[in-house]
């Protein structure tokens, strides 16, 4: 049912995680469908689970574009 290259990649990832291919596919589908149901879709920013715990400027909300992309004009 899966194209051979995809099957091979999924099998390797399942082995890395120490689970069966079937379990890996179920987990992957669950994660994908959960993301859709909460409106995350393909937005990698919203799916990112990393949290920065260090000090940050107090004006980050207002100046995030400057911090991310640098000065403009």
Foldseek 3Di string as FASTA:
>chain_A
DDPPVVLVVLCVVCVVVVHHSVVSVVVVVVVQVVCVVVPNHPPVVVVDPDDDDDDDDPCCVVCVCCVVPNDDD
